[in-house]
Amino acid sequence: PILEKAIGTEIEWHLGYCLTQQVLTKESSESTKPITKTEECESFFNFFSPPQVPDDDAKNDEYTVKLHNQMERDYDIASTLRDKIIPHAVSWFTREAVQDEDYGASWVDDEEEDDDDDEYSDEEA
């Protein structure tokens, strides 16, 4: 599939708990009241607010190409999370899930595991 656009999900943070913003406080020499400023900061949760892609006018612009590449990578990551990680979350948490050669999730059958143990025990004897 070709990614044409990305629509994010707005996260409703509790007051003072937003992990995508940082509150900076600076004391003012003129008044006793400190100056506070809120800035955006790097966070995993920015993943849910995709950047706006410029119009078709700048389609070959270097920035736009990088942006499209980043969005494609993000889409691949999200697809992997949705298809391979989340359905087997408990197995990943308990470390039953094992990475195979093509980075897909696989689980070793008890019979296969026993066969592997037999091979090593024959070699040692």
N, C-alpha and C. Protein backbone atom coordinates (compact mmCIF):
# COMPACT_ATOMS: atom_id res chain seq x y z
N PRO A 1 0.83 -1.20 0.00
CA PRO A 1 0.00 0.00 0.00
C PRO A 1 0.87 1.26 0.00
N ILE A 2 0.36 2.28 -0.65
CA ILE A 2 1.06 3.57 -0.72
C ILE A 2 0.46 4.50 0.32
N LEU A 3 1.31 5.08 1.14
CA LEU A 3 0.87 6.01 2.17
C LEU A 3 0.67 7.38 1.54
N GLU A 4 -0.56 7.87 1.57
CA GLU A 4 -0.86 9.17 0.99
C GLU A 4 -0.93 10.26 2.04
N LYS A 5 -1.49 9.95 3.20
CA LYS A 5 -1.56 10.92 4.28
C LYS A 5 -1.66 10.18 5.60
N ALA A 6 -1.37 10.87 6.67
CA ALA A 6 -1.45 10.28 8.00
C ALA A 6 -2.31 11.17 8.88
N ILE A 7 -3.21 10.55 9.59
CA ILE A 7 -4.08 11.28 10.51
C ILE A 7 -3.76 10.79 11.91
N GLY A 8 -3.42 11.69 12.79
CA GLY A 8 -3.05 11.33 14.15
C GLY A 8 -4.25 11.31 15.07
N THR A 9 -4.01 10.82 16.26
CA THR A 9 -5.02 10.79 17.31
C THR A 9 -4.58 11.75 18.40
N GLU A 10 -5.47 12.66 18.75
CA GLU A 10 -5.13 13.63 19.79
C GLU A 10 -5.19 12.95 21.15
N ILE A 11 -4.16 13.15 21.93
CA ILE A 11 -4.11 12.59 23.28
C ILE A 11 -4.55 13.67 24.25
N GLU A 12 -5.51 13.35 25.08
CA GLU A 12 -6.00 14.30 26.08
C GLU A 12 -5.26 14.03 27.39
N TRP A 13 -4.27 14.86 27.67
CA TRP A 13 -3.43 14.70 28.85
C TRP A 13 -4.11 15.33 30.06
N HIS A 14 -3.85 14.76 31.24
CA HIS A 14 -4.27 15.41 32.47
C HIS A 14 -3.40 16.65 32.66
N LEU A 15 -3.95 17.65 33.29
CA LEU A 15 -3.25 18.92 33.48
C LEU A 15 -1.91 18.68 34.18
N GLY A 16 -0.84 19.14 33.55
CA GLY A 16 0.49 19.02 34.11
C GLY A 16 1.20 17.72 33.81
N TYR A 17 0.58 16.81 33.07
CA TYR A 17 1.18 15.51 32.79
C TYR A 17 1.49 15.28 31.31
N CYS A 18 1.44 16.30 30.50
CA CYS A 18 1.70 16.16 29.07
C CYS A 18 3.19 15.89 28.85
N LEU A 19 3.48 14.77 28.22
CA LEU A 19 4.87 14.37 28.00
C LEU A 19 5.45 14.91 26.70
N THR A 20 4.66 15.67 25.95
CA THR A 20 5.15 16.25 24.70
C THR A 20 5.50 17.72 24.86
N GLN A 21 5.28 18.25 26.06
CA GLN A 21 5.59 19.65 26.32
C GLN A 21 6.41 19.76 27.60
N GLN A 22 7.24 20.78 27.62
CA GLN A 22 8.10 21.02 28.77
C GLN A 22 7.84 22.44 29.25
N VAL A 23 7.61 22.61 30.55
CA VAL A 23 7.37 23.93 31.12
C VAL A 23 8.70 24.46 31.65
N LEU A 24 9.11 25.60 31.12
CA LEU A 24 10.34 26.25 31.56
C LEU A 24 9.99 27.43 32.45
N THR A 25 10.68 27.56 33.56
CA THR A 25 10.44 28.67 34.48
C THR A 25 11.70 29.50 34.58
N LYS A 26 11.53 30.80 34.44
CA LYS A 26 12.65 31.72 34.53
C LYS A 26 12.25 32.85 35.48
N GLU A 27 13.13 33.14 36.42
CA GLU A 27 12.83 34.22 37.36
C GLU A 27 13.12 35.55 36.71
N SER A 28 12.21 36.46 36.91
CA SER A 28 12.36 37.79 36.33
C SER A 28 12.99 38.71 37.36
N SER A 29 13.92 39.53 36.92
CA SER A 29 14.58 40.46 37.83
C SER A 29 13.70 41.67 38.13
N GLU A 30 12.78 41.98 37.22
CA GLU A 30 11.93 43.15 37.39
C GLU A 30 10.74 42.89 38.31
N SER A 31 10.25 41.69 38.35
CA SER A 31 9.10 41.40 39.20
C SER A 31 9.37 40.13 40.01
N THR A 32 8.56 39.92 41.00
CA THR A 32 8.73 38.75 41.85
C THR A 32 8.08 37.51 41.24
N LYS A 33 7.27 37.72 40.24
CA LYS A 33 6.56 36.60 39.61
C LYS A 33 7.46 35.96 38.54
N PRO A 34 7.70 34.64 38.63
CA PRO A 34 8.53 33.98 37.62
C PRO A 34 7.80 33.90 36.27
N ILE A 35 8.59 33.87 35.21
CA ILE A 35 8.05 33.77 33.86
C ILE A 35 8.06 32.29 33.48
N THR A 36 6.91 31.79 33.03
CA THR A 36 6.84 30.40 32.59
C THR A 36 6.59 30.35 31.09
N LYS A 37 7.21 29.40 30.46
CA LYS A 37 7.09 29.24 29.02
C LYS A 37 6.95 27.74 28.73
N THR A 38 6.03 27.39 27.84
CA THR A 38 5.82 25.99 27.47
C THR A 38 6.42 25.75 26.09
N GLU A 39 7.26 24.71 25.99
CA GLU A 39 7.90 24.35 24.72
C GLU A 39 7.58 22.90 24.37
N GLU A 40 7.53 22.63 23.08
CA GLU A 40 7.38 21.26 22.61
C GLU A 40 8.72 20.55 22.83
N CYS A 41 8.68 19.28 23.18
CA CYS A 41 9.92 18.53 23.37
C CYS A 41 9.80 17.17 22.69
N GLU A 42 10.93 16.50 22.50
CA GLU A 42 10.97 15.19 21.88
C GLU A 42 10.26 14.18 22.78
N SER A 43 9.40 13.37 22.19
CA SER A 43 8.68 12.37 22.94
C SER A 43 8.18 11.28 22.01
N PHE A 44 8.09 10.07 22.52
CA PHE A 44 7.49 8.97 21.77
C PHE A 44 6.07 9.33 21.35
N PHE A 45 5.37 10.10 22.16
CA PHE A 45 3.97 10.41 21.90
C PHE A 45 3.78 11.38 20.74
N ASN A 46 4.84 11.99 20.25
CA ASN A 46 4.74 12.81 19.03
C ASN A 46 4.41 11.95 17.82
N PHE A 47 4.63 10.64 17.95
CA PHE A 47 4.31 9.68 16.89
C PHE A 47 2.83 9.77 16.52
N PHE A 48 1.99 10.13 17.49
CA PHE A 48 0.55 10.18 17.27
C PHE A 48 0.08 11.51 16.69
N SER A 49 0.99 12.43 16.44
CA SER A 49 0.69 13.71 15.80
C SER A 49 1.58 13.86 14.57
N PRO A 50 1.19 13.27 13.45
CA PRO A 50 2.06 13.31 12.27
C PRO A 50 2.22 14.72 11.73
N PRO A 51 3.37 15.01 11.13
CA PRO A 51 3.60 16.35 10.57
C PRO A 51 2.73 16.59 9.35
N GLN A 52 2.48 17.86 9.07
CA GLN A 52 1.71 18.24 7.90
C GLN A 52 2.61 18.24 6.67
N VAL A 53 2.18 17.57 5.64
CA VAL A 53 2.94 17.49 4.39
C VAL A 53 2.57 18.69 3.53
N PRO A 54 3.56 19.40 2.98
CA PRO A 54 3.27 20.55 2.11
C PRO A 54 2.46 20.15 0.88
N ASP A 55 1.85 21.14 0.24
CA ASP A 55 1.04 20.89 -0.95
C ASP A 55 1.87 20.28 -2.07
N ASP A 56 1.21 19.92 -3.16
CA ASP A 56 1.87 19.27 -4.29
C ASP A 56 2.92 20.15 -4.97
N ASP A 57 2.91 21.46 -4.71
CA ASP A 57 3.86 22.37 -5.34
C ASP A 57 5.31 21.99 -5.02
N ALA A 58 5.54 21.56 -3.80
CA ALA A 58 6.91 21.27 -3.37
C ALA A 58 7.14 19.77 -3.23
N LYS A 59 6.57 18.98 -4.11
CA LYS A 59 6.62 17.53 -3.99
C LYS A 59 8.05 16.97 -4.09
N ASN A 60 8.91 17.61 -4.85
CA ASN A 60 10.28 17.13 -5.01
C ASN A 60 11.27 17.84 -4.10
N ASP A 61 10.78 18.70 -3.26
CA ASP A 61 11.61 19.41 -2.31
C ASP A 61 12.30 18.39 -1.39
N GLU A 62 13.56 18.64 -1.03
CA GLU A 62 14.32 17.71 -0.20
C GLU A 62 13.64 17.47 1.14
N TYR A 63 13.11 18.52 1.75
CA TYR A 63 12.40 18.40 3.03
C TYR A 63 11.18 17.50 2.89
N THR A 64 10.43 17.67 1.81
CA THR A 64 9.22 16.88 1.58
C THR A 64 9.57 15.41 1.36
N VAL A 65 10.65 15.15 0.64
CA VAL A 65 11.08 13.77 0.40
C VAL A 65 11.47 13.12 1.73
N LYS A 66 12.23 13.83 2.57
CA LYS A 66 12.61 13.30 3.88
C LYS A 66 11.38 13.04 4.73
N LEU A 67 10.43 13.96 4.66
CA LEU A 67 9.20 13.83 5.43
C LEU A 67 8.41 12.59 5.00
N HIS A 68 8.30 12.37 3.71
CA HIS A 68 7.61 11.19 3.19
C HIS A 68 8.33 9.90 3.62
N ASN A 69 9.66 9.91 3.57
CA ASN A 69 10.43 8.73 3.99
C ASN A 69 10.21 8.44 5.48
N GLN A 70 10.20 9.50 6.29
CA GLN A 70 9.97 9.34 7.72
C GLN A 70 8.56 8.78 7.97
N MET A 71 7.58 9.28 7.24
CA MET A 71 6.21 8.81 7.41
C MET A 71 6.08 7.35 6.98
N GLU A 72 6.80 6.95 5.94
CA GLU A 72 6.79 5.55 5.51
C GLU A 72 7.38 4.64 6.60
N ARG A 73 8.51 5.08 7.20
CA ARG A 73 9.11 4.31 8.29
C ARG A 73 8.16 4.21 9.47
N ASP A 74 7.53 5.32 9.82
CA ASP A 74 6.57 5.32 10.93
C ASP A 74 5.41 4.37 10.65
N TYR A 75 4.96 4.35 9.40
CA TYR A 75 3.87 3.45 9.01
C TYR A 75 4.30 1.99 9.17
N ASP A 76 5.53 1.68 8.75
CA ASP A 76 6.04 0.32 8.90
C ASP A 76 6.13 -0.08 10.37
N ILE A 77 6.59 0.84 11.21
CA ILE A 77 6.68 0.57 12.64
C ILE A 77 5.30 0.32 13.23
N ALA A 78 4.35 1.18 12.88
CA ALA A 78 2.99 1.04 13.40
C ALA A 78 2.36 -0.27 12.93
N SER A 79 2.60 -0.65 11.68
CA SER A 79 2.05 -1.91 11.17
C SER A 79 2.64 -3.10 11.91
N THR A 80 3.92 -3.05 12.19
CA THR A 80 4.56 -4.13 12.94
C THR A 80 3.99 -4.22 14.35
N LEU A 81 3.83 -3.08 14.99
CA LEU A 81 3.23 -3.08 16.33
C LEU A 81 1.83 -3.67 16.29
N ARG A 82 1.04 -3.23 15.32
CA ARG A 82 -0.36 -3.68 15.22
C ARG A 82 -0.45 -5.17 14.89
N ASP A 83 0.37 -5.65 13.97
CA ASP A 83 0.22 -7.01 13.46
C ASP A 83 1.01 -8.06 14.24
N LYS A 84 2.16 -7.70 14.79
CA LYS A 84 3.03 -8.71 15.38
C LYS A 84 3.25 -8.56 16.88
N ILE A 85 3.27 -7.35 17.37
CA ILE A 85 3.58 -7.15 18.79
C ILE A 85 2.32 -7.20 19.65
N ILE A 86 1.35 -6.36 19.36
CA ILE A 86 0.15 -6.25 20.20
C ILE A 86 -0.62 -7.57 20.30
N PRO A 87 -0.84 -8.31 19.21
CA PRO A 87 -1.58 -9.57 19.37
C PRO A 87 -0.88 -10.59 20.28
N HIS A 88 0.42 -10.45 20.45
CA HIS A 88 1.20 -11.39 21.26
C HIS A 88 1.89 -10.65 22.41
N ALA A 89 1.25 -9.62 22.94
CA ALA A 89 1.88 -8.76 23.94
C ALA A 89 2.31 -9.53 25.18
N VAL A 90 1.48 -10.45 25.64
CA VAL A 90 1.83 -11.22 26.84
C VAL A 90 3.07 -12.07 26.58
N SER A 91 3.15 -12.67 25.41
CA SER A 91 4.33 -13.48 25.08
C SER A 91 5.59 -12.63 25.02
N TRP A 92 5.48 -11.42 24.50
CA TRP A 92 6.64 -10.53 24.47
C TRP A 92 7.02 -10.12 25.89
N PHE A 93 6.01 -9.84 26.72
CA PHE A 93 6.28 -9.41 28.09
C PHE A 93 6.93 -10.53 28.90
N THR A 94 6.47 -11.74 28.71
CA THR A 94 7.02 -12.87 29.45
C THR A 94 8.25 -13.47 28.78
N ARG A 95 8.66 -12.87 27.69
CA ARG A 95 9.85 -13.27 26.93
C ARG A 95 9.72 -14.65 26.27
N GLU A 96 8.48 -15.08 26.03
CA GLU A 96 8.27 -16.32 25.29
C GLU A 96 8.50 -16.09 23.81
N ALA A 97 8.28 -14.86 23.37
CA ALA A 97 8.45 -14.53 21.95
C ALA A 97 9.94 -14.45 21.64
N VAL A 98 10.31 -15.02 20.52
CA VAL A 98 11.72 -15.04 20.11
C VAL A 98 11.80 -14.45 18.72
N GLN A 99 12.79 -13.62 18.48
CA GLN A 99 12.98 -13.04 17.16
C GLN A 99 13.59 -14.09 16.24
N ASP A 100 13.03 -14.24 15.03
CA ASP A 100 13.66 -15.13 14.06
C ASP A 100 14.46 -14.30 13.07
N GLU A 101 14.99 -14.93 12.04
CA GLU A 101 15.91 -14.27 11.13
C GLU A 101 15.32 -13.07 10.40
N ASP A 102 14.03 -13.13 10.07
CA ASP A 102 13.46 -12.01 9.30
C ASP A 102 12.74 -11.01 10.21
N TYR A 103 13.10 -10.98 11.49
CA TYR A 103 12.55 -10.05 12.47
C TYR A 103 11.06 -10.24 12.71
N GLY A 104 10.52 -11.37 12.34
CA GLY A 104 9.13 -11.67 12.63
C GLY A 104 9.06 -12.45 13.92
N ALA A 105 7.92 -12.43 14.55
CA ALA A 105 7.76 -13.16 15.80
C ALA A 105 7.60 -14.65 15.50
N SER A 106 8.28 -15.48 16.26
CA SER A 106 8.10 -16.91 16.13
C SER A 106 8.24 -17.52 17.52
N TRP A 107 7.60 -18.64 17.70
CA TRP A 107 7.68 -19.31 18.97
C TRP A 107 8.19 -20.71 18.73
N VAL A 108 9.08 -21.17 19.59
CA VAL A 108 9.68 -22.48 19.44
C VAL A 108 8.73 -23.51 20.05
N ASP A 109 8.39 -24.55 19.27
CA ASP A 109 7.56 -25.63 19.79
C ASP A 109 8.37 -26.43 20.80
N ASP A 110 7.67 -27.04 21.75
CA ASP A 110 8.34 -27.87 22.75
C ASP A 110 9.09 -29.02 22.09
N GLU A 111 8.50 -29.62 21.03
CA GLU A 111 9.15 -30.73 20.34
C GLU A 111 10.44 -30.29 19.68
N GLU A 112 10.41 -29.12 19.02
CA GLU A 112 11.62 -28.61 18.36
C GLU A 112 12.69 -28.33 19.40
N GLU A 113 12.29 -27.79 20.54
CA GLU A 113 13.24 -27.47 21.59
C GLU A 113 13.88 -28.76 22.12
N ASP A 114 13.08 -29.81 22.30
CA ASP A 114 13.60 -31.09 22.77
C ASP A 114 14.57 -31.69 21.75
N ASP A 115 14.24 -31.60 20.45
CA ASP A 115 15.12 -32.10 19.40
C ASP A 115 16.47 -31.41 19.44
N ASP A 116 16.45 -30.09 19.66
CA ASP A 116 17.70 -29.34 19.73
C ASP A 116 18.53 -29.79 20.92
N ASP A 117 17.89 -30.05 22.05
CA ASP A 117 18.61 -30.51 23.23
C ASP A 117 19.25 -31.87 22.98
N ASP A 118 18.54 -32.77 22.26
CA ASP A 118 19.08 -34.10 21.96
C ASP A 118 20.33 -34.01 21.10
N GLU A 119 20.33 -33.09 20.12
CA GLU A 119 21.49 -32.94 19.25
C GLU A 119 22.72 -32.57 20.05
N TYR A 120 22.57 -31.65 21.00
CA TYR A 120 23.71 -31.22 21.78
C TYR A 120 24.18 -32.31 22.73
N SER A 121 23.25 -33.08 23.28
CA SER A 121 23.65 -34.12 24.22
C SER A 121 24.40 -35.24 23.51
N ASP A 122 24.05 -35.54 22.22
CA ASP A 122 24.77 -36.56 21.45
C ASP A 122 26.20 -36.12 21.16
N GLU A 123 26.37 -34.84 20.87
CA GLU A 123 27.70 -34.33 20.53
C GLU A 123 28.62 -34.35 21.73
N GLU A 124 28.07 -34.09 22.91
CA GLU A 124 28.89 -34.03 24.11
C GLU A 124 29.34 -35.42 24.55
N ALA A 125 28.55 -36.46 24.25
CA ALA A 125 28.84 -37.82 24.72
C ALA A 125 29.93 -38.49 23.97
